[in-house]
């Protein structure tokens, strides 16, 4: 049960990373103003969310077949 919760939370962080990156790119494009500082902040949040998703999601267990 705990493993299922970790999978769900990992997926939430992965989705948050995708949405942060998408929203940041669209916002920079639509505003017409490219800001290096906002791009860096978006990149930092993207990396944080991806790392959280990676470390929270449980690793696949290999089945031992005899």
PDB file of N, CA and C in Angstrom:
ATOM      1  N   UNK A   1       0.815  -1.180   0.000  1.00  0.00           N
ATOM      2  CA  UNK A   1       0.000   0.000   0.000  1.00  0.00           C
ATOM      3  C   UNK A   1       0.871   1.261   0.000  1.00  0.00           C
ATOM      4  N   UNK A   2       1.929   1.255   0.776  1.00  0.00           N
ATOM      5  CA  UNK A   2       2.829   2.391   0.815  1.00  0.00           C
ATOM      6  C   UNK A   2       3.494   2.600  -0.544  1.00  0.00           C
ATOM      7  N   UNK A   3       3.780   1.512  -1.234  1.00  0.00           N
ATOM      8  CA  UNK A   3       4.415   1.592  -2.549  1.00  0.00           C
ATOM      9  C   UNK A   3       3.481   2.255  -3.557  1.00  0.00           C
ATOM     10  N   UNK A   4       2.191   1.967  -3.460  1.00  0.00           N
ATOM     11  CA  UNK A   4       1.220   2.583  -4.360  1.00  0.00           C
ATOM     12  C   UNK A   4       1.120   4.083  -4.124  1.00  0.00           C
ATOM     13  N   UNK A   5       1.160   4.483  -2.877  1.00  0.00           N
ATOM     14  CA  UNK A   5       1.132   5.918  -2.553  1.00  0.00           C
ATOM     15  C   UNK A   5       2.356   6.622  -3.111  1.00  0.00           C
ATOM     16  N   UNK A   6       3.505   5.983  -2.982  1.00  0.00           N
ATOM     17  CA  UNK A   6       4.733   6.589  -3.508  1.00  0.00           C
ATOM     18  C   UNK A   6       4.670   6.741  -5.020  1.00  0.00           C
ATOM     19  N   UNK A   7       4.067   5.761  -5.714  1.00  0.00           N
ATOM     20  CA  UNK A   7       3.918   5.868  -7.161  1.00  0.00           C
ATOM     21  C   UNK A   7       3.030   7.051  -7.532  1.00  0.00           C
ATOM     22  N   UNK A   8       1.938   7.221  -6.807  1.00  0.00           N
ATOM     23  CA  UNK A   8       1.017   8.320  -7.086  1.00  0.00           C
ATOM     24  C   UNK A   8       1.690   9.662  -6.822  1.00  0.00           C
ATOM     25  N   UNK A   9       2.381   9.770  -5.714  1.00  0.00           N
ATOM     26  CA  UNK A   9       3.064  11.029  -5.388  1.00  0.00           C
ATOM     27  C   UNK A   9       4.176  11.305  -6.395  1.00  0.00           C
ATOM     28  N   UNK A  10       4.900  10.286  -6.809  1.00  0.00           N
ATOM     29  CA  UNK A  10       5.930  10.454  -7.833  1.00  0.00           C
ATOM     30  C   UNK A  10       5.340  10.947  -9.138  1.00  0.00           C
ATOM     31  N   UNK A  11       4.177  10.408  -9.514  1.00  0.00           N
ATOM     32  CA  UNK A  11       3.503  10.869 -10.730  1.00  0.00           C
ATOM     33  C   UNK A  11       3.045  12.319 -10.599  1.00  0.00           C
ATOM     34  N   UNK A  12       2.610  12.706  -9.420  1.00  0.00           N
ATOM     35  CA  UNK A  12       2.197  14.092  -9.197  1.00  0.00           C
ATOM     36  C   UNK A  12       3.374  15.031  -9.396  1.00  0.00           C
ATOM     37  N   UNK A  13       4.533  14.687  -8.861  1.00  0.00           N
ATOM     38  CA  UNK A  13       5.712  15.539  -9.033  1.00  0.00           C
ATOM     39  C   UNK A  13       6.184  15.554 -10.487  1.00  0.00           C
ATOM     40  N   UNK A  14       6.069  14.436 -11.185  1.00  0.00           N
ATOM     41  CA  UNK A  14       6.441  14.406 -12.602  1.00  0.00           C
ATOM     42  C   UNK A  14       5.501  15.296 -13.416  1.00  0.00           C
ATOM     43  N   UNK A  15       4.215  15.238 -13.113  1.00  0.00           N
ATOM     44  CA  UNK A  15       3.256  16.105 -13.799  1.00  0.00           C
ATOM     45  C   UNK A  15       3.517  17.574 -13.477  1.00  0.00           C
ATOM     46  N   UNK A  16       3.830  17.857 -12.217  1.00  0.00           N
ATOM     47  CA  UNK A  16       4.132  19.238 -11.825  1.00  0.00           C
ATOM     48  C   UNK A  16       5.341  19.765 -12.591  1.00  0.00           C
ATOM     49  N   UNK A  17       6.335  18.904 -12.807  1.00  0.00           N
ATOM     50  CA  UNK A  17       7.519  19.312 -13.576  1.00  0.00           C
ATOM     51  C   UNK A  17       7.130  19.637 -15.013  1.00  0.00           C
ATOM     52  N   UNK A  18       6.319  18.772 -15.623  1.00  0.00           N
ATOM     53  CA  UNK A  18       5.893  19.012 -17.009  1.00  0.00           C
ATOM     54  C   UNK A  18       5.091  20.300 -17.120  1.00  0.00           C
ATOM     55  N   UNK A  19       4.164  20.506 -16.186  1.00  0.00           N
ATOM     56  CA  UNK A  19       3.310  21.695 -16.244  1.00  0.00           C
ATOM     57  C   UNK A  19       4.105  22.964 -15.978  1.00  0.00           C
ATOM     58  N   UNK A  20       5.064  22.902 -15.072  1.00  0.00           N
ATOM     59  CA  UNK A  20       5.902  24.067 -14.795  1.00  0.00           C
ATOM     60  C   UNK A  20       6.696  24.465 -16.030  1.00  0.00           C
ATOM     61  N   UNK A  21       7.298  23.481 -16.679  1.00  0.00           N
ATOM     62  CA  UNK A  21       8.078  23.769 -17.874  1.00  0.00           C
ATOM     63  C   UNK A  21       7.191  24.300 -19.003  1.00  0.00           C
ATOM     64  N   UNK A  22       6.052  23.669 -19.218  1.00  0.00           N
ATOM     65  CA  UNK A  22       5.148  24.095 -20.278  1.00  0.00           C
ATOM     66  C   UNK A  22       4.617  25.499 -20.026  1.00  0.00           C
ATOM     67  N   UNK A  23       4.155  25.756 -18.816  1.00  0.00           N
ATOM     68  CA  UNK A  23       3.628  27.073 -18.486  1.00  0.00           C
ATOM     69  C   UNK A  23       4.708  28.146 -18.597  1.00  0.00           C
ATOM     70  N   UNK A  24       5.916  27.821 -18.172  1.00  0.00           N
ATOM     71  CA  UNK A  24       7.010  28.787 -18.262  1.00  0.00           C
ATOM     72  C   UNK A  24       7.370  29.132 -19.692  1.00  0.00           C
ATOM     73  N   UNK A  25       7.432  28.129 -20.552  1.00  0.00           N
ATOM     74  CA  UNK A  25       7.764  28.385 -21.961  1.00  0.00           C
ATOM     75  C   UNK A  25       6.661  29.179 -22.636  1.00  0.00           C
ATOM     76  N   UNK A  26       5.414  28.803 -22.396  1.00  0.00           N
ATOM     77  CA  UNK A  26       4.293  29.519 -23.011  1.00  0.00           C
ATOM     78  C   UNK A  26       4.229  30.957 -22.509  1.00  0.00           C
ATOM     79  N   UNK A  27       4.441  31.154 -21.224  1.00  0.00           N
ATOM     80  CA  UNK A  27       4.405  32.507 -20.659  1.00  0.00           C
ATOM     81  C   UNK A  27       5.503  33.378 -21.253  1.00  0.00           C
ATOM     82  N   UNK A  28       6.716  32.841 -21.349  1.00  0.00           N
ATOM     83  CA  UNK A  28       7.801  33.618 -21.949  1.00  0.00           C
ATOM     84  C   UNK A  28       7.524  33.928 -23.415  1.00  0.00           C
ATOM     85  N   UNK A  29       6.930  32.996 -24.122  1.00  0.00           N
ATOM     86  CA  UNK A  29       6.634  33.197 -25.534  1.00  0.00           C
ATOM     87  C   UNK A  29       5.518  34.216 -25.730  1.00  0.00           C
ATOM     88  N   UNK A  30       4.439  34.096 -24.960  1.00  0.00           N
ATOM     89  CA  UNK A  30       3.290  34.986 -25.129  1.00  0.00           C
ATOM     90  C   UNK A  30       3.551  36.399 -24.613  1.00  0.00           C
ATOM     91  N   UNK A  31       4.390  36.521 -23.622  1.00  0.00           N
ATOM     92  CA  UNK A  31       4.662  37.853 -23.080  1.00  0.00           C
ATOM     93  C   UNK A  31       5.543  38.669 -24.020  1.00  0.00           C
ATOM     94  N   UNK A  32       6.293  37.983 -24.862  1.00  0.00           N
ATOM     95  CA  UNK A  32       7.172  38.690 -25.789  1.00  0.00           C
ATOM     96  C   UNK A  32       8.441  39.189 -25.133  1.00  0.00           C
ATOM     97  N   UNK A  33       8.578  38.925 -23.864  1.00  0.00           N
ATOM     98  CA  UNK A  33       9.772  39.352 -23.134  1.00  0.00           C
ATOM     99  C   UNK A  33      10.503  38.113 -22.647  1.00  0.00           C
ATOM    100  N   UNK A  34      11.693  37.911 -23.146  1.00  0.00           N
ATOM    101  CA  UNK A  34      12.497  36.789 -22.681  1.00  0.00           C
ATOM    102  C   UNK A  34      13.316  37.252 -21.500  1.00  0.00           C
ATOM    103  N   UNK A  35      13.162  36.593 -20.387  1.00  0.00           N
ATOM    104  CA  UNK A  35      13.889  36.946 -19.181  1.00  0.00           C
ATOM    105  C   UNK A  35      14.749  35.759 -18.764  1.00  0.00           C
ATOM    106  N   UNK A  36      16.029  35.983 -18.685  1.00  0.00           N
ATOM    107  CA  UNK A  36      16.948  34.924 -18.289  1.00  0.00           C
ATOM    108  C   UNK A  36      16.682  34.482 -16.855  1.00  0.00           C
ATOM    109  N   UNK A  37      16.362  35.421 -15.979  1.00  0.00           N
ATOM    110  CA  UNK A  37      16.122  35.069 -14.581  1.00  0.00           C
ATOM    111  C   UNK A  37      14.875  34.195 -14.436  1.00  0.00           C
ATOM    112  N   UNK A  38      13.818  34.496 -15.172  1.00  0.00           N
ATOM    113  CA  UNK A  38      12.616  33.657 -15.078  1.00  0.00           C
ATOM    114  C   UNK A  38      12.866  32.287 -15.689  1.00  0.00           C
ATOM    115  N   UNK A  39      13.668  32.214 -16.733  1.00  0.00           N
ATOM    116  CA  UNK A  39      14.004  30.921 -17.327  1.00  0.00           C
ATOM    117  C   UNK A  39      14.821  30.067 -16.359  1.00  0.00           C
ATOM    118  N   UNK A  40      15.718  30.706 -15.633  1.00  0.00           N
ATOM    119  CA  UNK A  40      16.525  29.989 -14.646  1.00  0.00           C
ATOM    120  C   UNK A  40      15.641  29.468 -13.509  1.00  0.00           C
ATOM    121  N   UNK A  41      14.718  30.292 -13.053  1.00  0.00           N
ATOM    122  CA  UNK A  41      13.810  29.874 -11.983  1.00  0.00           C
ATOM    123  C   UNK A  41      12.933  28.714 -12.444  1.00  0.00           C
ATOM    124  N   UNK A  42      12.412  28.791 -13.658  1.00  0.00           N
ATOM    125  CA  UNK A  42      11.598  27.707 -14.214  1.00  0.00           C
ATOM    126  C   UNK A  42      12.430  26.429 -14.305  1.00  0.00           C
ATOM    127  N   UNK A  43      13.665  26.555 -14.762  1.00  0.00           N
ATOM    128  CA  UNK A  43      14.558  25.398 -14.867  1.00  0.00           C
ATOM    129  C   UNK A  43      14.860  24.778 -13.518  1.00  0.00           C
ATOM    130  N   UNK A  44      15.055  25.611 -12.515  1.00  0.00           N
ATOM    131  CA  UNK A  44      15.333  25.107 -11.166  1.00  0.00           C
ATOM    132  C   UNK A  44      14.139  24.325 -10.626  1.00  0.00           C
ATOM    133  N   UNK A  45      12.939  24.884 -10.771  1.00  0.00           N
ATOM    134  CA  UNK A  45      11.744  24.175 -10.320  1.00  0.00           C
ATOM    135  C   UNK A  45      11.544  22.873 -11.081  1.00  0.00           C
ATOM    136  N   UNK A  46      11.812  22.889 -12.386  1.00  0.00           N
ATOM    137  CA  UNK A  46      11.696  21.679 -13.197  1.00  0.00           C
ATOM    138  C   UNK A  46      12.636  20.592 -12.681  1.00  0.00           C
ATOM    139  N   UNK A  47      13.872  20.959 -12.425  1.00  0.00           N
ATOM    140  CA  UNK A  47      14.860  19.990 -11.933  1.00  0.00           C
ATOM    141  C   UNK A  47      14.477  19.467 -10.551  1.00  0.00           C
ATOM    142  N   UNK A  48      14.008  20.344  -9.682  1.00  0.00           N
ATOM    143  CA  UNK A  48      13.604  19.921  -8.337  1.00  0.00           C
ATOM    144  C   UNK A  48      12.455  18.926  -8.417  1.00  0.00           C
ATOM    145  N   UNK A  49      11.437  19.232  -9.233  1.00  0.00           N
ATOM    146  CA  UNK A  49      10.285  18.335  -9.352  1.00  0.00           C
ATOM    147  C   UNK A  49      10.679  16.996  -9.971  1.00  0.00           C
ATOM    148  N   UNK A  50      11.539  17.016 -10.980  1.00  0.00           N
ATOM    149  CA  UNK A  50      11.982  15.763 -11.605  1.00  0.00           C
ATOM    150  C   UNK A  50      12.773  14.916 -10.603  1.00  0.00           C
ATOM    151  N   UNK A  51      13.661  15.543  -9.849  1.00  0.00           N
ATOM    152  CA  UNK A  51      14.437  14.797  -8.853  1.00  0.00           C
ATOM    153  C   UNK A  51      13.544  14.223  -7.755  1.00  0.00           C
ATOM    154  N   UNK A  52      12.573  15.009  -7.305  1.00  0.00           N
ATOM    155  CA  UNK A  52      11.641  14.493  -6.308  1.00  0.00           C
ATOM    156  C   UNK A  52      10.856  13.306  -6.858  1.00  0.00           C
ATOM    157  N   UNK A  53      10.386  13.416  -8.082  1.00  0.00           N
ATOM    158  CA  UNK A  53       9.641  12.309  -8.695  1.00  0.00           C
ATOM    159  C   UNK A  53      10.517  11.075  -8.815  1.00  0.00           C
ATOM    160  N   UNK A  54      11.781  11.261  -9.199  1.00  0.00           N
ATOM    161  CA  UNK A  54      12.689  10.130  -9.363  1.00  0.00           C
ATOM    162  C   UNK A  54      12.944   9.406  -8.039  1.00  0.00           C
ATOM    163  N   UNK A  55      13.205  10.173  -6.985  1.00  0.00           N
ATOM    164  CA  UNK A  55      13.558   9.549  -5.716  1.00  0.00           C
ATOM    165  C   UNK A  55      12.345   9.062  -4.927  1.00  0.00           C
ATOM    166  N   UNK A  56      11.169   9.626  -5.178  1.00  0.00           N
ATOM    167  CA  UNK A  56       9.969   9.180  -4.469  1.00  0.00           C
ATOM    168  C   UNK A  56       9.407   7.908  -5.081  1.00  0.00           C
ATOM    169  N   UNK A  57       9.442   7.815  -6.412  1.00  0.00           N
ATOM    170  CA  UNK A  57       8.872   6.655  -7.091  1.00  0.00           C
ATOM    171  C   UNK A  57       9.689   5.410  -6.738  1.00  0.00           C
ATOM    172  N   UNK A  58       9.015   4.355  -6.261  1.00  0.00           N
ATOM    173  CA  UNK A  58       9.752   3.135  -5.897  1.00  0.00           C
ATOM    174  C   UNK A  58      10.323   2.442  -7.129  1.00  0.00           C
ATOM    175  N   UNK A  59      11.430   1.800  -6.936  1.00  0.00           N
ATOM    176  CA  UNK A  59      12.078   1.070  -8.029  1.00  0.00           C
ATOM    177  C   UNK A  59      11.318  -0.214  -8.305  1.00  0.00           C
ATOM    178  N   UNK A  60      11.336  -0.644  -9.558  1.00  0.00           N
ATOM    179  CA  UNK A  60      10.672  -1.893  -9.924  1.00  0.00           C
ATOM    180  C   UNK A  60      11.407  -3.065  -9.299  1.00  0.00           C
ATOM    181  N   UNK A  61      10.635  -3.991  -8.779  1.00  0.00           N
ATOM    182  CA  UNK A  61      11.223  -5.199  -8.211  1.00  0.00           C
ATOM    183  C   UNK A  61      11.272  -6.255  -9.302  1.00  0.00           C
ATOM    184  N   UNK A  62      12.429  -6.864  -9.455  1.00  0.00           N
ATOM    185  CA  UNK A  62      12.559  -7.936 -10.431  1.00  0.00           C
ATOM    186  C   UNK A  62      12.083  -9.239  -9.806  1.00  0.00           C
ATOM    187  N   UNK A  63      11.250  -9.917 -10.550  1.00  0.00           N
ATOM    188  CA  UNK A  63      10.721 -11.171 -10.041  1.00  0.00           C
ATOM    189  C   UNK A  63      11.760 -12.280 -10.236  1.00  0.00           C
ATOM    190  N   UNK A  64      11.930 -13.079  -9.221  1.00  0.00           N
ATOM    191  CA  UNK A  64      12.844 -14.214  -9.301  1.00  0.00           C
ATOM    192  C   UNK A  64      12.070 -15.433  -9.760  1.00  0.00           C
ATOM    193  N   UNK A  65      12.301 -15.828 -10.979  1.00  0.00           N
ATOM    194  CA  UNK A  65      11.611 -17.003 -11.507  1.00  0.00           C
ATOM    195  C   UNK A  65      12.526 -18.221 -11.358  1.00  0.00           C
ATOM    196  N   UNK A  66      11.951 -19.319 -10.883  1.00  0.00           N
ATOM    197  CA  UNK A  66      12.748 -20.526 -10.675  1.00  0.00           C
ATOM    198  C   UNK A  66      12.399 -21.547 -11.713  1.00  0.00           C
TER     199      UNK A  66
END
